[in-house]
Amino acid sequence: AWMVAVTLGRDFAVTALRSIAHARGVIIAASPLGKFKMVAQVVAILALILGRDHLQQFFVLGRIALWVAVITAVASAIEYYSKFSHTLSNQNH
C-alpha cells in the first residue's frame, strides 16, 4: 500500500507543479523518466494480475516492475521539482 501512496503522491505533486508553472506561462514537458515510470507501472499491474493465480514467474516480474516504478517515481519527482525550481528562479531574475 505504501508503494501506491508514494506513486499517487508523486503524480499529484507533479501535476500541481506543472499546473503552477503553466499558470506562469511556462511549460514543463513530460520527462523520459516519467514516461518510463508509467511503462513500469503498466507492466507491474499486468504481470501481478496475470501471475496472481496461475503464472508465478509473472508475479515475480510484477514485483520487480513495481519496485522499478516506485524508484523511478521518486527520481522523476525530484527531476520535476528541480525543473520547477530552476524555472521559478529564472523568472524571478
PDB file of N, CA and C in Angstrom:
ATOM      1  N   ALA A   1       0.826  -1.200   0.000  1.00  0.00           N
ATOM      2  CA  ALA A   1       0.000   0.000   0.000  1.00  0.00           C
ATOM      3  C   ALA A   1       0.873   1.268   0.000  1.00  0.00           C
ATOM      4  N   TRP A   2       2.021   1.207   0.667  1.00  0.00           N
ATOM      5  CA  TRP A   2       2.866   2.409   0.714  1.00  0.00           C
ATOM      6  C   TRP A   2       3.415   2.746  -0.673  1.00  0.00           C
ATOM      7  N   MET A   3       3.600   1.739  -1.514  1.00  0.00           N
ATOM      8  CA  MET A   3       4.090   1.992  -2.866  1.00  0.00           C
ATOM      9  C   MET A   3       3.044   2.775  -3.667  1.00  0.00           C
ATOM     10  N   VAL A   4       1.803   2.422  -3.489  1.00  0.00           N
ATOM     11  CA  VAL A   4       0.716   3.142  -4.157  1.00  0.00           C
ATOM     12  C   VAL A   4       0.662   4.578  -3.647  1.00  0.00           C
ATOM     13  N   ALA A   5       0.823   4.762  -2.343  1.00  0.00           N
ATOM     14  CA  ALA A   5       0.794   6.108  -1.767  1.00  0.00           C
ATOM     15  C   ALA A   5       1.938   6.969  -2.308  1.00  0.00           C
ATOM     16  N   VAL A   6       3.121   6.399  -2.421  1.00  0.00           N
ATOM     17  CA  VAL A   6       4.269   7.143  -2.956  1.00  0.00           C
ATOM     18  C   VAL A   6       4.011   7.540  -4.409  1.00  0.00           C
ATOM     19  N   THR A   7       3.526   6.591  -5.196  1.00  0.00           N
ATOM     20  CA  THR A   7       3.289   6.855  -6.617  1.00  0.00           C
ATOM     21  C   THR A   7       2.169   7.873  -6.818  1.00  0.00           C
ATOM     22  N   LEU A   8       1.073   7.716  -6.091  1.00  0.00           N
ATOM     23  CA  LEU A   8      -0.023   8.687  -6.206  1.00  0.00           C
ATOM     24  C   LEU A   8       0.395  10.063  -5.714  1.00  0.00           C
ATOM     25  N   GLY A   9       1.141  10.102  -4.608  1.00  0.00           N
ATOM     26  CA  GLY A   9       1.629  11.374  -4.095  1.00  0.00           C
ATOM     27  C   GLY A   9       2.518  12.068  -5.106  1.00  0.00           C
ATOM     28  N   ARG A  10       3.368  11.312  -5.761  1.00  0.00           N
ATOM     29  CA  ARG A  10       4.235  11.870  -6.799  1.00  0.00           C
ATOM     30  C   ARG A  10       3.406  12.418  -7.945  1.00  0.00           C
ATOM     31  N   ASP A  11       2.404  11.658  -8.375  1.00  0.00           N
ATOM     32  CA  ASP A  11       1.574  12.103  -9.503  1.00  0.00           C
ATOM     33  C   ASP A  11       0.827  13.389  -9.169  1.00  0.00           C
ATOM     34  N   PHE A  12       0.270  13.486  -7.971  1.00  0.00           N
ATOM     35  CA  PHE A  12      -0.425  14.715  -7.560  1.00  0.00           C
ATOM     36  C   PHE A  12       0.553  15.892  -7.472  1.00  0.00           C
ATOM     37  N   ALA A  13       1.729  15.648  -6.903  1.00  0.00           N
ATOM     38  CA  ALA A  13       2.712  16.723  -6.752  1.00  0.00           C
ATOM     39  C   ALA A  13       3.204  17.221  -8.108  1.00  0.00           C
ATOM     40  N   VAL A  14       3.501  16.308  -9.025  1.00  0.00           N
ATOM     41  CA  VAL A  14       3.981  16.705 -10.344  1.00  0.00           C
ATOM     42  C   VAL A  14       2.889  17.455 -11.098  1.00  0.00           C
ATOM     43  N   THR A  15       1.655  16.990 -10.991  1.00  0.00           N
ATOM     44  CA  THR A  15       0.548  17.693 -11.641  1.00  0.00           C
ATOM     45  C   THR A  15       0.407  19.103 -11.085  1.00  0.00           C
ATOM     46  N   ALA A  16       0.536  19.242  -9.783  1.00  0.00           N
ATOM     47  CA  ALA A  16       0.437  20.576  -9.171  1.00  0.00           C
ATOM     48  C   ALA A  16       1.574  21.478  -9.637  1.00  0.00           C
ATOM     49  N   LEU A  17       2.802  20.966  -9.640  1.00  0.00           N
ATOM     50  CA  LEU A  17       3.947  21.769 -10.087  1.00  0.00           C
ATOM     51  C   LEU A  17       3.793  22.189 -11.545  1.00  0.00           C
ATOM     52  N   ARG A  18       3.385  21.257 -12.393  1.00  0.00           N
ATOM     53  CA  ARG A  18       3.210  21.589 -13.801  1.00  0.00           C
ATOM     54  C   ARG A  18       2.073  22.593 -13.999  1.00  0.00           C
ATOM     55  N   SER A  19       1.022  22.513 -13.198  1.00  0.00           N
ATOM     56  CA  SER A  19      -0.094  23.462 -13.283  1.00  0.00           C
ATOM     57  C   SER A  19       0.336  24.862 -12.859  1.00  0.00           C
ATOM     58  N   ILE A  20       1.105  24.945 -11.784  1.00  0.00           N
ATOM     59  CA  ILE A  20       1.603  26.252 -11.323  1.00  0.00           C
ATOM     60  C   ILE A  20       2.516  26.858 -12.379  1.00  0.00           C
ATOM     61  N   ALA A  21       3.396  26.051 -12.937  1.00  0.00           N
ATOM     62  CA  ALA A  21       4.297  26.553 -13.981  1.00  0.00           C
ATOM     63  C   ALA A  21       3.493  27.008 -15.195  1.00  0.00           C
ATOM     64  N   HIS A  22       2.490  26.246 -15.574  1.00  0.00           N
ATOM     65  CA  HIS A  22       1.659  26.610 -16.723  1.00  0.00           C
ATOM     66  C   HIS A  22       0.927  27.928 -16.474  1.00  0.00           C
ATOM     67  N   ALA A  23       0.461  28.138 -15.265  1.00  0.00           N
ATOM     68  CA  ALA A  23      -0.222  29.388 -14.921  1.00  0.00           C
ATOM     69  C   ALA A  23       0.721  30.583 -15.059  1.00  0.00           C
ATOM     70  N   ARG A  24       2.008  30.337 -14.938  1.00  0.00           N
ATOM     71  CA  ARG A  24       3.018  31.403 -15.097  1.00  0.00           C
ATOM     72  C   ARG A  24       3.560  31.468 -16.516  1.00  0.00           C
ATOM     73  N   GLY A  25       2.933  30.704 -17.408  1.00  0.00           N
ATOM     74  CA  GLY A  25       3.328  30.739 -18.808  1.00  0.00           C
ATOM     75  C   GLY A  25       4.500  29.856 -19.164  1.00  0.00           C
ATOM     76  N   VAL A  26       4.836  28.918 -18.301  1.00  0.00           N
ATOM     77  CA  VAL A  26       5.977  28.034 -18.543  1.00  0.00           C
ATOM     78  C   VAL A  26       5.465  26.601 -18.700  1.00  0.00           C
ATOM     79  N   ILE A  27       5.967  25.939 -19.720  1.00  0.00           N
ATOM     80  CA  ILE A  27       5.596  24.542 -19.941  1.00  0.00           C
ATOM     81  C   ILE A  27       6.724  23.653 -19.434  1.00  0.00           C
ATOM     82  N   ILE A  28       6.395  22.730 -18.554  1.00  0.00           N
ATOM     83  CA  ILE A  28       7.351  21.712 -18.120  1.00  0.00           C
ATOM     84  C   ILE A  28       6.886  20.417 -18.773  1.00  0.00           C
ATOM     85  N   ALA A  29       7.613  20.002 -19.789  1.00  0.00           N
ATOM     86  CA  ALA A  29       7.227  18.832 -20.572  1.00  0.00           C
ATOM     87  C   ALA A  29       7.402  17.551 -19.759  1.00  0.00           C
ATOM     88  N   ALA A  30       6.665  16.538 -20.181  1.00  0.00           N
ATOM     89  CA  ALA A  30       6.818  15.225 -19.564  1.00  0.00           C
ATOM     90  C   ALA A  30       8.239  14.729 -19.811  1.00  0.00           C
ATOM     91  N   SER A  31       8.835  14.178 -18.787  1.00  0.00           N
ATOM     92  CA  SER A  31      10.222  13.719 -18.908  1.00  0.00           C
ATOM     93  C   SER A  31      10.268  12.250 -19.337  1.00  0.00           C
ATOM     94  N   PRO A  32      11.362  11.847 -19.956  1.00  0.00           N
ATOM     95  CA  PRO A  32      11.529  10.432 -20.301  1.00  0.00           C
ATOM     96  C   PRO A  32      11.475   9.527 -19.064  1.00  0.00           C
ATOM     97  N   LEU A  33      11.985  10.023 -17.944  1.00  0.00           N
ATOM     98  CA  LEU A  33      11.942   9.231 -16.709  1.00  0.00           C
ATOM     99  C   LEU A  33      10.501   9.018 -16.245  1.00  0.00           C
ATOM    100  N   GLY A  34       9.676  10.058 -16.360  1.00  0.00           N
ATOM    101  CA  GLY A  34       8.265   9.923 -16.011  1.00  0.00           C
ATOM    102  C   GLY A  34       7.540   8.955 -16.926  1.00  0.00           C
ATOM    103  N   LYS A  35       7.895   8.967 -18.196  1.00  0.00           N
ATOM    104  CA  LYS A  35       7.292   8.029 -19.144  1.00  0.00           C
ATOM    105  C   LYS A  35       7.723   6.600 -18.833  1.00  0.00           C
ATOM    106  N   PHE A  36       8.983   6.430 -18.462  1.00  0.00           N
ATOM    107  CA  PHE A  36       9.480   5.106 -18.079  1.00  0.00           C
ATOM    108  C   PHE A  36       8.750   4.599 -16.840  1.00  0.00           C
ATOM    109  N   LYS A  37       8.475   5.516 -15.897  1.00  0.00           N
ATOM    110  CA  LYS A  37       7.712   5.145 -14.692  1.00  0.00           C
ATOM    111  C   LYS A  37       6.355   4.596 -15.071  1.00  0.00           C
ATOM    112  N   MET A  38       5.702   5.244 -16.025  1.00  0.00           N
ATOM    113  CA  MET A  38       4.374   4.806 -16.447  1.00  0.00           C
ATOM    114  C   MET A  38       4.424   3.419 -17.078  1.00  0.00           C
ATOM    115  N   VAL A  39       5.432   3.175 -17.916  1.00  0.00           N
ATOM    116  CA  VAL A  39       5.584   1.853 -18.525  1.00  0.00           C
ATOM    117  C   VAL A  39       5.813   0.796 -17.447  1.00  0.00           C
ATOM    118  N   ALA A  40       6.658   1.099 -16.479  1.00  0.00           N
ATOM    119  CA  ALA A  40       6.921   0.156 -15.386  1.00  0.00           C
ATOM    120  C   ALA A  40       5.648  -0.123 -14.587  1.00  0.00           C
ATOM    121  N   GLN A  41       4.822   0.903 -14.376  1.00  0.00           N
ATOM    122  CA  GLN A  41       3.560   0.704 -13.662  1.00  0.00           C
ATOM    123  C   GLN A  41       2.637  -0.236 -14.429  1.00  0.00           C
ATOM    124  N   VAL A  42       2.507  -0.019 -15.721  1.00  0.00           N
ATOM    125  CA  VAL A  42       1.620  -0.853 -16.533  1.00  0.00           C
ATOM    126  C   VAL A  42       2.115  -2.295 -16.553  1.00  0.00           C
ATOM    127  N   VAL A  43       3.423  -2.482 -16.726  1.00  0.00           N
ATOM    128  CA  VAL A  43       3.991  -3.825 -16.713  1.00  0.00           C
ATOM    129  C   VAL A  43       3.748  -4.482 -15.352  1.00  0.00           C
ATOM    130  N   ALA A  44       3.953  -3.728 -14.279  1.00  0.00           N
ATOM    131  CA  ALA A  44       3.762  -4.272 -12.927  1.00  0.00           C
ATOM    132  C   ALA A  44       2.322  -4.714 -12.719  1.00  0.00           C
ATOM    133  N   ILE A  45       1.385  -3.872 -13.067  1.00  0.00           N
ATOM    134  CA  ILE A  45      -0.027  -4.209 -12.852  1.00  0.00           C
ATOM    135  C   ILE A  45      -0.421  -5.432 -13.665  1.00  0.00           C
ATOM    136  N   LEU A  46      -0.057  -5.437 -14.947  1.00  0.00           N
ATOM    137  CA  LEU A  46      -0.401  -6.564 -15.808  1.00  0.00           C
ATOM    138  C   LEU A  46       0.237  -7.858 -15.307  1.00  0.00           C
ATOM    139  N   ALA A  47       1.514  -7.813 -14.978  1.00  0.00           N
ATOM    140  CA  ALA A  47       2.216  -9.018 -14.522  1.00  0.00           C
ATOM    141  C   ALA A  47       1.666  -9.508 -13.186  1.00  0.00           C
ATOM    142  N   LEU A  48       1.338  -8.591 -12.287  1.00  0.00           N
ATOM    143  CA  LEU A  48       0.784  -9.008 -10.995  1.00  0.00           C
ATOM    144  C   LEU A  48      -0.585  -9.650 -11.157  1.00  0.00           C
ATOM    145  N   ILE A  49      -1.382  -9.108 -12.058  1.00  0.00           N
ATOM    146  CA  ILE A  49      -2.707  -9.703 -12.305  1.00  0.00           C
ATOM    147  C   ILE A  49      -2.550 -11.088 -12.933  1.00  0.00           C
ATOM    148  N   LEU A  50      -1.701 -11.202 -13.949  1.00  0.00           N
ATOM    149  CA  LEU A  50      -1.504 -12.491 -14.624  1.00  0.00           C
ATOM    150  C   LEU A  50      -0.854 -13.525 -13.712  1.00  0.00           C
ATOM    151  N   GLY A  51       0.035 -13.104 -12.853  1.00  0.00           N
ATOM    152  CA  GLY A  51       0.788 -14.035 -12.032  1.00  0.00           C
ATOM    153  C   GLY A  51       0.152 -14.403 -10.716  1.00  0.00           C
ATOM    154  N   ARG A  52      -0.931 -13.748 -10.375  1.00  0.00           N
ATOM    155  CA  ARG A  52      -1.519 -13.972  -9.054  1.00  0.00           C
ATOM    156  C   ARG A  52      -1.910 -15.422  -8.808  1.00  0.00           C
ATOM    157  N   ASP A  53      -2.635 -16.035  -9.739  1.00  0.00           N
ATOM    158  CA  ASP A  53      -3.125 -17.391  -9.501  1.00  0.00           C
ATOM    159  C   ASP A  53      -2.493 -18.451 -10.396  1.00  0.00           C
ATOM    160  N   HIS A  54      -1.898 -18.017 -11.507  1.00  0.00           N
ATOM    161  CA  HIS A  54      -1.501 -19.017 -12.488  1.00  0.00           C
ATOM    162  C   HIS A  54      -0.006 -19.058 -12.793  1.00  0.00           C
ATOM    163  N   LEU A  55       0.575 -17.946 -13.112  1.00  0.00           N
ATOM    164  CA  LEU A  55       1.951 -17.937 -13.603  1.00  0.00           C
ATOM    165  C   LEU A  55       2.858 -17.215 -12.610  1.00  0.00           C
ATOM    166  N   GLN A  56       3.520 -17.965 -11.764  1.00  0.00           N
ATOM    167  CA  GLN A  56       4.345 -17.407 -10.699  1.00  0.00           C
ATOM    168  C   GLN A  56       5.452 -16.514 -11.243  1.00  0.00           C
ATOM    169  N   GLN A  57       5.997 -16.832 -12.429  1.00  0.00           N
ATOM    170  CA  GLN A  57       7.066 -16.020 -12.999  1.00  0.00           C
ATOM    171  C   GLN A  57       6.581 -14.598 -13.275  1.00  0.00           C
ATOM    172  N   PHE A  58       5.327 -14.465 -13.709  1.00  0.00           N
ATOM    173  CA  PHE A  58       4.767 -13.140 -13.947  1.00  0.00           C
ATOM    174  C   PHE A  58       4.643 -12.356 -12.640  1.00  0.00           C
ATOM    175  N   PHE A  59       4.318 -13.055 -11.562  1.00  0.00           N
ATOM    176  CA  PHE A  59       4.186 -12.387 -10.267  1.00  0.00           C
ATOM    177  C   PHE A  59       5.536 -11.822  -9.818  1.00  0.00           C
ATOM    178  N   VAL A  60       6.599 -12.587 -10.019  1.00  0.00           N
ATOM    179  CA  VAL A  60       7.951 -12.117  -9.679  1.00  0.00           C
ATOM    180  C   VAL A  60       8.311 -10.917 -10.550  1.00  0.00           C
ATOM    181  N   LEU A  61       8.047 -11.002 -11.846  1.00  0.00           N
ATOM    182  CA  LEU A  61       8.301  -9.883 -12.754  1.00  0.00           C
ATOM    183  C   LEU A  61       7.498  -8.651 -12.327  1.00  0.00           C
ATOM    184  N   GLY A  62       6.258  -8.868 -11.915  1.00  0.00           N
ATOM    185  CA  GLY A  62       5.410  -7.766 -11.464  1.00  0.00           C
ATOM    186  C   GLY A  62       5.968  -7.069 -10.238  1.00  0.00           C
ATOM    187  N   ARG A  63       6.475  -7.837  -9.312  1.00  0.00           N
ATOM    188  CA  ARG A  63       7.071  -7.233  -8.107  1.00  0.00           C
ATOM    189  C   ARG A  63       8.320  -6.427  -8.440  1.00  0.00           C
ATOM    190  N   ILE A  64       9.133  -6.949  -9.340  1.00  0.00           N
ATOM    191  CA  ILE A  64      10.325  -6.210  -9.759  1.00  0.00           C
ATOM    192  C   ILE A  64       9.914  -4.921 -10.459  1.00  0.00           C
ATOM    193  N   ALA A  65       8.958  -5.015 -11.378  1.00  0.00           N
ATOM    194  CA  ALA A  65       8.482  -3.832 -12.110  1.00  0.00           C
ATOM    195  C   ALA A  65       7.867  -2.814 -11.153  1.00  0.00           C
ATOM    196  N   LEU A  66       7.211  -3.287 -10.104  1.00  0.00           N
ATOM    197  CA  LEU A  66       6.626  -2.378  -9.113  1.00  0.00           C
ATOM    198  C   LEU A  66       7.720  -1.598  -8.388  1.00  0.00           C
ATOM    199  N   TRP A  67       8.792  -2.270  -8.017  1.00  0.00           N
ATOM    200  CA  TRP A  67       9.921  -1.575  -7.384  1.00  0.00           C
ATOM    201  C   TRP A  67      10.553  -0.569  -8.340  1.00  0.00           C
ATOM    202  N   VAL A  68      10.686  -0.954  -9.609  1.00  0.00           N
ATOM    203  CA  VAL A  68      11.235  -0.041 -10.617  1.00  0.00           C
ATOM    204  C   VAL A  68      10.330   1.189 -10.734  1.00  0.00           C
ATOM    205  N   ALA A  69       9.022   0.964 -10.746  1.00  0.00           N
ATOM    206  CA  ALA A  69       8.076   2.078 -10.859  1.00  0.00           C
ATOM    207  C   ALA A  69       8.188   3.032  -9.670  1.00  0.00           C
ATOM    208  N   VAL A  70       8.330   2.500  -8.467  1.00  0.00           N
ATOM    209  CA  VAL A  70       8.426   3.352  -7.279  1.00  0.00           C
ATOM    210  C   VAL A  70       9.741   4.137  -7.280  1.00  0.00           C
ATOM    211  N   ILE A  71      10.816   3.472  -7.622  1.00  0.00           N
ATOM    212  CA  ILE A  71      12.120   4.156  -7.649  1.00  0.00           C
ATOM    213  C   ILE A  71      12.123   5.251  -8.707  1.00  0.00           C
ATOM    214  N   THR A  72      11.596   4.954  -9.892  1.00  0.00           N
ATOM    215  CA  THR A  72      11.555   5.982 -10.933  1.00  0.00           C
ATOM    216  C   THR A  72      10.544   7.072 -10.601  1.00  0.00           C
ATOM    217  N   ALA A  73       9.505   6.745  -9.843  1.00  0.00           N
ATOM    218  CA  ALA A  73       8.552   7.772  -9.410  1.00  0.00           C
ATOM    219  C   ALA A  73       9.250   8.799  -8.529  1.00  0.00           C
ATOM    220  N   VAL A  74      10.035   8.326  -7.586  1.00  0.00           N
ATOM    221  CA  VAL A  74      10.761   9.234  -6.692  1.00  0.00           C
ATOM    222  C   VAL A  74      11.807  10.034  -7.476  1.00  0.00           C
ATOM    223  N   ALA A  75      12.545   9.349  -8.340  1.00  0.00           N
ATOM    224  CA  ALA A  75      13.583  10.038  -9.127  1.00  0.00           C
ATOM    225  C   ALA A  75      12.967  11.086 -10.049  1.00  0.00           C
ATOM    226  N   SER A  76      11.856  10.759 -10.691  1.00  0.00           N
ATOM    227  CA  SER A  76      11.244  11.730 -11.598  1.00  0.00           C
ATOM    228  C   SER A  76      10.596  12.876 -10.833  1.00  0.00           C
ATOM    229  N   ALA A  77      10.106  12.620  -9.627  1.00  0.00           N
ATOM    230  CA  ALA A  77       9.567  13.702  -8.801  1.00  0.00           C
ATOM    231  C   ALA A  77      10.669  14.704  -8.472  1.00  0.00           C
ATOM    232  N   ILE A  78      11.827  14.194  -8.128  1.00  0.00           N
ATOM    233  CA  ILE A  78      12.975  15.068  -7.852  1.00  0.00           C
ATOM    234  C   ILE A  78      13.348  15.853  -9.102  1.00  0.00           C
ATOM    235  N   GLU A  79      13.332  15.183 -10.245  1.00  0.00           N
ATOM    236  CA  GLU A  79      13.657  15.841 -11.506  1.00  0.00           C
ATOM    237  C   GLU A  79      12.659  16.961 -11.822  1.00  0.00           C
ATOM    238  N   TYR A  80      11.360  16.685 -11.662  1.00  0.00           N
ATOM    239  CA  TYR A  80      10.350  17.710 -11.922  1.00  0.00           C
ATOM    240  C   TYR A  80      10.490  18.884 -10.954  1.00  0.00           C
ATOM    241  N   TYR A  81      10.745  18.593  -9.684  1.00  0.00           N
ATOM    242  CA  TYR A  81      10.902  19.663  -8.705  1.00  0.00           C
ATOM    243  C   TYR A  81      12.116  20.529  -9.056  1.00  0.00           C
ATOM    244  N   SER A  82      13.181  19.887  -9.502  1.00  0.00           N
ATOM    245  CA  SER A  82      14.372  20.630  -9.900  1.00  0.00           C
ATOM    246  C   SER A  82      14.074  21.548 -11.084  1.00  0.00           C
ATOM    247  N   LYS A  83      13.374  21.019 -12.092  1.00  0.00           N
ATOM    248  CA  LYS A  83      12.995  21.836 -13.246  1.00  0.00           C
ATOM    249  C   LYS A  83      12.107  22.997 -12.810  1.00  0.00           C
ATOM    250  N   PHE A  84      11.156  22.711 -11.927  1.00  0.00           N
ATOM    251  CA  PHE A  84      10.232  23.732 -11.440  1.00  0.00           C
ATOM    252  C   PHE A  84      10.987  24.825 -10.684  1.00  0.00           C
ATOM    253  N   SER A  85      11.871  24.440  -9.787  1.00  0.00           N
ATOM    254  CA  SER A  85      12.652  25.410  -9.013  1.00  0.00           C
ATOM    255  C   SER A  85      13.536  26.247  -9.914  1.00  0.00           C
ATOM    256  N   HIS A  86      14.167  25.621 -10.877  1.00  0.00           N
ATOM    257  CA  HIS A  86      15.031  26.334 -11.821  1.00  0.00           C
ATOM    258  C   HIS A  86      14.210  27.336 -12.641  1.00  0.00           C
ATOM    259  N   THR A  87      13.038  26.931 -13.058  1.00  0.00           N
ATOM    260  CA  THR A  87      12.153  27.800 -13.836  1.00  0.00           C
ATOM    261  C   THR A  87      11.719  29.010 -13.024  1.00  0.00           C
ATOM    262  N   LEU A  88      11.341  28.773 -11.774  1.00  0.00           N
ATOM    263  CA  LEU A  88      10.907  29.890 -10.915  1.00  0.00           C
ATOM    264  C   LEU A  88      12.059  30.843 -10.622  1.00  0.00           C
ATOM    265  N   SER A  89      13.226  30.302 -10.379  1.00  0.00           N
ATOM    266  CA  SER A  89      14.360  31.185 -10.068  1.00  0.00           C
ATOM    267  C   SER A  89      14.753  32.020 -11.281  1.00  0.00           C
ATOM    268  N   ASN A  90      14.622  31.461 -12.472  1.00  0.00           N
ATOM    269  CA  ASN A  90      14.919  32.216 -13.691  1.00  0.00           C
ATOM    270  C   ASN A  90      13.875  33.303 -13.947  1.00  0.00           C
ATOM    271  N   GLN A  91      12.622  33.057 -13.588  1.00  0.00           N
ATOM    272  CA  GLN A  91      11.581  34.053 -13.779  1.00  0.00           C
ATOM    273  C   GLN A  91      11.701  35.220 -12.807  1.00  0.00           C
ATOM    274  N   ASN A  92      12.242  34.952 -11.633  1.00  0.00           N
ATOM    275  CA  ASN A  92      12.356  35.997 -10.624  1.00  0.00           C
ATOM    276  C   ASN A  92      13.564  36.902 -10.850  1.00  0.00           C
ATOM    277  N   HIS A  93      14.417  36.556 -11.783  1.00  0.00           N
ATOM    278  CA  HIS A  93      15.612  37.380 -12.030  1.00  0.00           C
ATOM    279  C   HIS A  93      15.430  38.242 -13.239  1.00  0.00           C
TER     280      HIS A  93
END
